[in-house]
Amino acid sequence: MTEQTPNKEESLIEQQPTEPEEKETSPEEKKPETKPKEKKMDIIIFLLLLIPAIMKDIIEVVLGLIPGIQFFVWLIALPFSAYIFFISIITGMRTKLILSGQLMDLLPIASILPITTGTVIFAYLSQGVVEKITKKSSKA
């Protein structure tokens, strides 16, 4: 019987260190536990939210000065509010901030101020600030 000598390739393969085998874990265990991140607001989404917000505020300011028709002004502005809210939910953009602006807009005296437009602009401008604050707080 002939004795087989190992090839050079086989000896190199045997000499290379092997990587330790990872334990088989379920996909749920591999995921780190983090909160869902807010998505960044694109300029297109910003405009889709800003234009109805401006229209809603103009309607509320112009018609809100007429006494006695506040309920009808609210009914006219309600579809704009619903559109802004649903777009912010679908895209996952700062829904809490926009919802708080919508709730502030329900106050009697605040209804003649352009709160909705200000809220949408503030949500767009503050998106980078929130990320910086969360990074600094996680380091601390």
N, C-alpha and C. Protein backbone atom coordinates (compact mmCIF):
# COMPACT_ATOMS: atom_id res chain seq x y z
N MET A 1 0.83 -1.15 0.00
CA MET A 1 0.00 0.00 0.00
C MET A 1 0.90 1.24 0.00
N THR A 2 0.45 2.22 -0.74
CA THR A 2 1.25 3.44 -0.82
C THR A 2 0.73 4.45 0.17
N GLU A 3 1.65 5.16 0.70
CA GLU A 3 1.31 6.18 1.68
C GLU A 3 1.12 7.51 0.95
N GLN A 4 0.05 8.19 1.21
CA GLN A 4 -0.21 9.45 0.53
C GLN A 4 0.39 10.60 1.33
N THR A 5 1.12 11.43 0.63
CA THR A 5 1.69 12.60 1.30
C THR A 5 0.74 13.77 1.10
N PRO A 6 0.58 14.58 2.10
CA PRO A 6 -0.35 15.71 1.98
C PRO A 6 0.17 16.73 0.98
N ASN A 7 -0.73 17.25 0.22
CA ASN A 7 -0.39 18.31 -0.73
C ASN A 7 -0.06 19.59 0.01
N LYS A 8 0.60 20.50 -0.67
CA LYS A 8 0.93 21.79 -0.06
C LYS A 8 -0.34 22.57 0.26
N GLU A 9 -1.34 22.48 -0.60
CA GLU A 9 -2.58 23.21 -0.37
C GLU A 9 -3.30 22.70 0.87
N GLU A 10 -3.32 21.40 1.05
CA GLU A 10 -3.99 20.82 2.21
C GLU A 10 -3.27 21.21 3.49
N SER A 11 -1.92 21.24 3.46
CA SER A 11 -1.20 21.60 4.67
C SER A 11 -1.41 23.07 5.01
N LEU A 12 -1.57 23.95 4.00
CA LEU A 12 -1.84 25.36 4.26
C LEU A 12 -3.24 25.54 4.84
N ILE A 13 -4.16 24.77 4.35
CA ILE A 13 -5.52 24.85 4.86
C ILE A 13 -5.57 24.41 6.31
N GLU A 14 -4.83 23.37 6.64
CA GLU A 14 -4.83 22.87 8.00
C GLU A 14 -4.14 23.84 8.95
N GLN A 15 -3.17 24.60 8.47
CA GLN A 15 -2.42 25.50 9.34
C GLN A 15 -3.18 26.79 9.62
N GLN A 16 -4.11 27.16 8.75
CA GLN A 16 -4.84 28.40 8.96
C GLN A 16 -5.75 28.24 10.18
N PRO A 17 -5.78 29.30 10.99
CA PRO A 17 -6.66 29.21 12.16
C PRO A 17 -8.11 29.21 11.73
N THR A 18 -8.87 28.42 12.39
CA THR A 18 -10.29 28.33 12.06
C THR A 18 -11.07 29.32 12.92
N GLU A 19 -12.12 29.85 12.36
CA GLU A 19 -12.96 30.78 13.09
C GLU A 19 -13.85 30.00 14.04
N PRO A 20 -14.04 30.53 15.23
CA PRO A 20 -14.93 29.82 16.16
C PRO A 20 -16.34 29.81 15.62
N GLU A 21 -16.98 28.70 15.78
CA GLU A 21 -18.35 28.58 15.30
C GLU A 21 -19.29 29.35 16.20
N GLU A 22 -20.18 30.08 15.57
CA GLU A 22 -21.15 30.86 16.34
C GLU A 22 -22.31 29.95 16.74
N LYS A 23 -22.82 30.24 17.91
CA LYS A 23 -23.99 29.49 18.35
C LYS A 23 -25.17 29.88 17.48
N GLU A 24 -25.97 28.91 17.23
CA GLU A 24 -27.16 29.20 16.45
C GLU A 24 -28.18 29.87 17.37
N THR A 25 -28.54 31.09 16.99
CA THR A 25 -29.52 31.82 17.77
C THR A 25 -30.67 32.22 16.86
N SER A 26 -31.77 32.45 17.47
CA SER A 26 -32.94 32.85 16.69
C SER A 26 -32.75 34.30 16.23
N PRO A 27 -33.42 34.68 15.17
CA PRO A 27 -33.30 36.06 14.69
C PRO A 27 -33.72 37.09 15.73
N GLU A 28 -34.63 36.72 16.62
CA GLU A 28 -35.09 37.65 17.64
C GLU A 28 -33.97 37.95 18.63
N GLU A 29 -33.12 36.95 18.92
CA GLU A 29 -32.04 37.16 19.87
C GLU A 29 -30.91 37.98 19.26
N LYS A 30 -30.74 37.93 17.95
CA LYS A 30 -29.67 38.66 17.29
C LYS A 30 -29.95 40.15 17.22
N LYS A 31 -31.21 40.55 17.20
CA LYS A 31 -31.56 41.95 17.08
C LYS A 31 -31.30 42.68 18.39
N PRO A 32 -30.60 43.81 18.32
CA PRO A 32 -30.43 44.58 19.55
C PRO A 32 -31.75 45.26 19.90
N GLU A 33 -31.97 45.44 21.16
CA GLU A 33 -33.22 46.05 21.61
C GLU A 33 -33.08 47.56 21.52
N THR A 34 -33.66 48.12 20.51
CA THR A 34 -33.65 49.56 20.34
C THR A 34 -35.06 50.02 20.01
N LYS A 35 -35.29 51.29 20.27
CA LYS A 35 -36.58 51.87 19.94
C LYS A 35 -36.63 52.13 18.44
N PRO A 36 -37.80 52.06 17.85
CA PRO A 36 -37.87 52.38 16.42
C PRO A 36 -37.48 53.83 16.19
N LYS A 37 -36.62 54.05 15.21
CA LYS A 37 -36.12 55.39 14.95
C LYS A 37 -37.13 56.17 14.11
N GLU A 38 -37.18 57.46 14.38
CA GLU A 38 -37.98 58.34 13.55
C GLU A 38 -37.26 58.54 12.23
N LYS A 39 -37.98 58.49 11.17
CA LYS A 39 -37.37 58.70 9.87
C LYS A 39 -37.13 60.18 9.65
N LYS A 40 -36.14 60.48 8.79
CA LYS A 40 -35.91 61.87 8.45
C LYS A 40 -36.97 62.33 7.45
N MET A 41 -37.34 63.58 7.59
CA MET A 41 -38.36 64.13 6.72
C MET A 41 -37.70 64.64 5.44
N ASP A 42 -38.06 64.05 4.32
CA ASP A 42 -37.56 64.51 3.03
C ASP A 42 -38.22 65.83 2.68
N ILE A 43 -37.64 66.52 1.71
CA ILE A 43 -38.21 67.80 1.28
C ILE A 43 -39.57 67.60 0.63
N ILE A 44 -39.78 66.46 -0.02
CA ILE A 44 -41.08 66.20 -0.66
C ILE A 44 -42.16 66.01 0.39
N ILE A 45 -41.84 65.23 1.43
CA ILE A 45 -42.80 65.02 2.52
C ILE A 45 -43.05 66.34 3.23
N PHE A 46 -41.99 67.13 3.41
CA PHE A 46 -42.13 68.43 4.05
C PHE A 46 -43.11 69.32 3.27
N LEU A 47 -42.99 69.33 1.96
CA LEU A 47 -43.91 70.14 1.15
C LEU A 47 -45.31 69.56 1.16
N LEU A 48 -45.43 68.22 1.18
CA LEU A 48 -46.76 67.60 1.27
C LEU A 48 -47.45 67.93 2.59
N LEU A 49 -46.68 68.23 3.61
CA LEU A 49 -47.27 68.62 4.89
C LEU A 49 -47.42 70.14 5.01
N LEU A 50 -46.49 70.88 4.42
CA LEU A 50 -46.50 72.33 4.59
C LEU A 50 -47.63 73.01 3.81
N ILE A 51 -47.87 72.59 2.59
CA ILE A 51 -48.90 73.24 1.76
C ILE A 51 -50.29 73.12 2.39
N PRO A 52 -50.73 71.92 2.81
CA PRO A 52 -52.04 71.87 3.48
C PRO A 52 -52.05 72.60 4.83
N ALA A 53 -50.91 72.64 5.51
CA ALA A 53 -50.86 73.37 6.79
C ALA A 53 -51.06 74.86 6.55
N ILE A 54 -50.45 75.40 5.51
CA ILE A 54 -50.63 76.82 5.20
C ILE A 54 -52.08 77.09 4.80
N MET A 55 -52.66 76.21 3.98
CA MET A 55 -54.05 76.39 3.57
C MET A 55 -54.99 76.33 4.77
N LYS A 56 -54.74 75.41 5.68
CA LYS A 56 -55.57 75.27 6.87
C LYS A 56 -55.47 76.52 7.75
N ASP A 57 -54.26 77.02 7.92
CA ASP A 57 -54.09 78.20 8.77
C ASP A 57 -54.72 79.44 8.13
N ILE A 58 -54.62 79.57 6.81
CA ILE A 58 -55.25 80.72 6.14
C ILE A 58 -56.76 80.65 6.33
N ILE A 59 -57.34 79.47 6.15
CA ILE A 59 -58.79 79.32 6.34
C ILE A 59 -59.18 79.66 7.77
N GLU A 60 -58.41 79.19 8.73
CA GLU A 60 -58.74 79.45 10.13
C GLU A 60 -58.58 80.92 10.50
N VAL A 61 -57.56 81.58 9.97
CA VAL A 61 -57.35 82.99 10.30
C VAL A 61 -58.42 83.86 9.65
N VAL A 62 -58.69 83.63 8.37
CA VAL A 62 -59.66 84.48 7.66
C VAL A 62 -61.08 84.24 8.18
N LEU A 63 -61.48 82.98 8.24
CA LEU A 63 -62.85 82.69 8.68
C LEU A 63 -63.00 82.74 10.21
N GLY A 64 -61.90 82.60 10.93
CA GLY A 64 -61.97 82.61 12.38
C GLY A 64 -62.28 83.97 12.97
N LEU A 65 -62.10 85.01 12.18
CA LEU A 65 -62.41 86.36 12.66
C LEU A 65 -63.90 86.67 12.62
N ILE A 66 -64.64 85.86 11.91
CA ILE A 66 -66.09 86.05 11.84
C ILE A 66 -66.71 85.38 13.07
N PRO A 67 -67.44 86.13 13.90
CA PRO A 67 -68.00 85.53 15.11
C PRO A 67 -69.17 84.60 14.80
N GLY A 68 -69.25 83.51 15.56
CA GLY A 68 -70.39 82.62 15.48
C GLY A 68 -70.26 81.46 14.52
N ILE A 69 -69.22 81.38 13.75
CA ILE A 69 -69.11 80.26 12.81
C ILE A 69 -67.87 79.40 13.11
N GLN A 70 -67.44 79.39 14.34
CA GLN A 70 -66.25 78.65 14.71
C GLN A 70 -66.39 77.15 14.43
N PHE A 71 -67.56 76.61 14.66
CA PHE A 71 -67.77 75.19 14.41
C PHE A 71 -67.63 74.87 12.93
N PHE A 72 -68.15 75.73 12.07
CA PHE A 72 -68.06 75.51 10.63
C PHE A 72 -66.62 75.68 10.13
N VAL A 73 -65.89 76.60 10.75
CA VAL A 73 -64.48 76.76 10.41
C VAL A 73 -63.72 75.49 10.78
N TRP A 74 -64.06 74.93 11.92
CA TRP A 74 -63.41 73.68 12.35
C TRP A 74 -63.75 72.55 11.39
N LEU A 75 -65.00 72.48 10.93
CA LEU A 75 -65.39 71.44 9.97
C LEU A 75 -64.67 71.60 8.63
N ILE A 76 -64.47 72.83 8.21
CA ILE A 76 -63.76 73.07 6.95
C ILE A 76 -62.28 72.69 7.08
N ALA A 77 -61.69 72.97 8.22
CA ALA A 77 -60.25 72.72 8.44
C ALA A 77 -59.97 71.27 8.83
N LEU A 78 -60.98 70.53 9.21
CA LEU A 78 -60.78 69.15 9.66
C LEU A 78 -60.14 68.23 8.61
N PRO A 79 -60.54 68.28 7.33
CA PRO A 79 -59.86 67.42 6.35
C PRO A 79 -58.37 67.73 6.19
N PHE A 80 -58.00 68.99 6.31
CA PHE A 80 -56.59 69.35 6.24
C PHE A 80 -55.82 68.77 7.42
N SER A 81 -56.43 68.85 8.60
CA SER A 81 -55.79 68.28 9.80
C SER A 81 -55.63 66.76 9.67
N ALA A 82 -56.67 66.12 9.18
CA ALA A 82 -56.61 64.66 9.01
C ALA A 82 -55.55 64.28 7.98
N TYR A 83 -55.47 65.02 6.89
CA TYR A 83 -54.45 64.74 5.87
C TYR A 83 -53.04 64.88 6.44
N ILE A 84 -52.79 65.96 7.17
CA ILE A 84 -51.47 66.18 7.77
C ILE A 84 -51.14 65.07 8.75
N PHE A 85 -52.10 64.70 9.56
CA PHE A 85 -51.86 63.66 10.56
C PHE A 85 -51.59 62.31 9.91
N PHE A 86 -52.38 61.92 8.91
CA PHE A 86 -52.20 60.61 8.28
C PHE A 86 -50.91 60.54 7.46
N ILE A 87 -50.54 61.63 6.80
CA ILE A 87 -49.27 61.63 6.08
C ILE A 87 -48.11 61.48 7.05
N SER A 88 -48.20 62.14 8.19
CA SER A 88 -47.12 62.01 9.17
C SER A 88 -47.07 60.62 9.78
N ILE A 89 -48.20 59.96 9.93
CA ILE A 89 -48.21 58.59 10.45
C ILE A 89 -47.67 57.61 9.42
N ILE A 90 -48.12 57.74 8.17
CA ILE A 90 -47.70 56.82 7.12
C ILE A 90 -46.20 56.89 6.90
N THR A 91 -45.66 58.09 6.89
CA THR A 91 -44.23 58.24 6.63
C THR A 91 -43.39 58.09 7.89
N GLY A 92 -44.01 58.09 9.06
CA GLY A 92 -43.28 57.92 10.32
C GLY A 92 -42.48 59.15 10.72
N MET A 93 -42.97 60.31 10.42
CA MET A 93 -42.24 61.54 10.68
C MET A 93 -42.81 62.29 11.86
N ARG A 94 -42.13 62.35 12.92
CA ARG A 94 -42.43 63.24 14.05
C ARG A 94 -43.92 63.36 14.34
N THR A 95 -44.58 62.25 14.43
CA THR A 95 -46.02 62.24 14.60
C THR A 95 -46.42 62.89 15.92
N LYS A 96 -45.64 62.66 16.97
CA LYS A 96 -45.99 63.22 18.28
C LYS A 96 -45.95 64.74 18.25
N LEU A 97 -44.95 65.29 17.58
CA LEU A 97 -44.82 66.74 17.51
C LEU A 97 -45.95 67.35 16.70
N ILE A 98 -46.26 66.75 15.58
CA ILE A 98 -47.34 67.27 14.74
C ILE A 98 -48.68 67.11 15.43
N LEU A 99 -48.88 66.00 16.15
CA LEU A 99 -50.12 65.81 16.89
C LEU A 99 -50.26 66.85 18.00
N SER A 100 -49.17 67.17 18.68
CA SER A 100 -49.26 68.19 19.73
C SER A 100 -49.59 69.55 19.15
N GLY A 101 -49.07 69.85 17.95
CA GLY A 101 -49.43 71.10 17.28
C GLY A 101 -50.89 71.13 16.90
N GLN A 102 -51.42 70.00 16.45
CA GLN A 102 -52.85 69.93 16.10
C GLN A 102 -53.72 70.12 17.34
N LEU A 103 -53.28 69.56 18.46
CA LEU A 103 -54.05 69.72 19.70
C LEU A 103 -54.00 71.16 20.21
N MET A 104 -52.84 71.81 20.06
CA MET A 104 -52.74 73.22 20.45
C MET A 104 -53.64 74.10 19.59
N ASP A 105 -53.84 73.69 18.37
CA ASP A 105 -54.65 74.46 17.44
C ASP A 105 -56.13 74.42 17.82
N LEU A 106 -56.51 73.49 18.66
CA LEU A 106 -57.91 73.40 19.08
C LEU A 106 -58.28 74.41 20.17
N LEU A 107 -57.27 75.02 20.78
CA LEU A 107 -57.55 76.03 21.81
C LEU A 107 -58.25 77.22 21.16
N PRO A 108 -59.21 77.84 21.87
CA PRO A 108 -60.01 78.90 21.24
C PRO A 108 -59.21 80.08 20.69
N ILE A 109 -58.33 80.66 21.46
CA ILE A 109 -57.60 81.84 21.00
C ILE A 109 -56.49 81.44 20.03
N ALA A 110 -55.90 80.27 20.23
CA ALA A 110 -54.80 79.83 19.39
C ALA A 110 -55.25 79.42 17.99
N SER A 111 -56.55 79.29 17.79
CA SER A 111 -57.02 78.84 16.47
C SER A 111 -56.83 79.91 15.40
N ILE A 112 -56.64 81.17 15.77
CA ILE A 112 -56.41 82.19 14.75
C ILE A 112 -54.92 82.41 14.49
N LEU A 113 -54.06 81.65 15.16
CA LEU A 113 -52.62 81.73 14.92
C LEU A 113 -52.19 80.61 13.97
N PRO A 114 -51.14 80.82 13.21
CA PRO A 114 -50.67 79.77 12.29
C PRO A 114 -49.84 78.70 13.00
N ILE A 115 -50.47 77.99 13.92
CA ILE A 115 -49.76 77.00 14.73
C ILE A 115 -49.39 75.77 13.90
N THR A 116 -50.26 75.33 13.03
CA THR A 116 -50.00 74.12 12.24
C THR A 116 -48.79 74.31 11.32
N THR A 117 -48.73 75.46 10.66
CA THR A 117 -47.58 75.74 9.80
C THR A 117 -46.30 75.80 10.61
N GLY A 118 -46.36 76.44 11.75
CA GLY A 118 -45.18 76.52 12.62
C GLY A 118 -44.74 75.16 13.12
N THR A 119 -45.70 74.29 13.41
CA THR A 119 -45.38 72.95 13.89
C THR A 119 -44.69 72.13 12.81
N VAL A 120 -45.18 72.20 11.58
CA VAL A 120 -44.58 71.44 10.48
C VAL A 120 -43.16 71.94 10.21
N ILE A 121 -42.98 73.27 10.21
CA ILE A 121 -41.65 73.83 9.98
C ILE A 121 -40.71 73.45 11.12
N PHE A 122 -41.20 73.52 12.36
CA PHE A 122 -40.37 73.15 13.51
C PHE A 122 -39.99 71.67 13.48
N ALA A 123 -40.92 70.81 13.06
CA ALA A 123 -40.62 69.38 12.97
C ALA A 123 -39.54 69.11 11.92
N TYR A 124 -39.57 69.86 10.83
CA TYR A 124 -38.55 69.68 9.78
C TYR A 124 -37.19 70.20 10.24
N LEU A 125 -37.17 71.34 10.89
CA LEU A 125 -35.90 71.93 11.32
C LEU A 125 -35.29 71.21 12.52
N SER A 126 -36.09 70.61 13.35
CA SER A 126 -35.58 70.00 14.58
C SER A 126 -35.18 68.54 14.42
N GLN A 127 -35.29 67.96 13.25
CA GLN A 127 -35.00 66.53 13.11
C GLN A 127 -33.53 66.22 13.34
N GLY A 128 -32.60 67.08 12.97
CA GLY A 128 -31.18 66.83 13.21
C GLY A 128 -30.82 67.05 14.66
N VAL A 129 -31.52 67.96 15.33
CA VAL A 129 -31.23 68.27 16.72
C VAL A 129 -31.59 67.10 17.62
N VAL A 130 -32.69 66.43 17.34
CA VAL A 130 -33.13 65.30 18.15
C VAL A 130 -32.11 64.17 18.08
N GLU A 131 -31.56 63.91 16.89
CA GLU A 131 -30.57 62.84 16.74
C GLU A 131 -29.30 63.16 17.53
N LYS A 132 -28.87 64.42 17.50
CA LYS A 132 -27.66 64.81 18.24
C LYS A 132 -27.87 64.65 19.74
N ILE A 133 -29.05 65.02 20.21
CA ILE A 133 -29.33 64.91 21.65
C ILE A 133 -29.35 63.45 22.08
N THR A 134 -29.95 62.57 21.28
CA THR A 134 -30.00 61.16 21.66
C THR A 134 -28.62 60.53 21.62
N LYS A 135 -27.75 60.94 20.70
CA LYS A 135 -26.39 60.40 20.67
C LYS A 135 -25.61 60.84 21.89
N LYS A 136 -25.75 62.10 22.28
CA LYS A 136 -25.03 62.61 23.46
C LYS A 136 -25.55 61.96 24.73
N SER A 137 -26.85 61.74 24.80
CA SER A 137 -27.41 61.12 26.01
C SER A 137 -27.02 59.66 26.11
N SER A 138 -26.86 58.99 24.98
CA SER A 138 -26.45 57.57 25.03
C SER A 138 -24.99 57.44 25.43
N LYS A 139 -24.16 58.43 25.11
CA LYS A 139 -22.76 58.41 25.53
C LYS A 139 -22.62 58.62 27.03
N ALA A 140 -23.52 59.43 27.59
CA ALA A 140 -23.46 59.75 29.02
C ALA A 140 -23.96 58.62 29.83
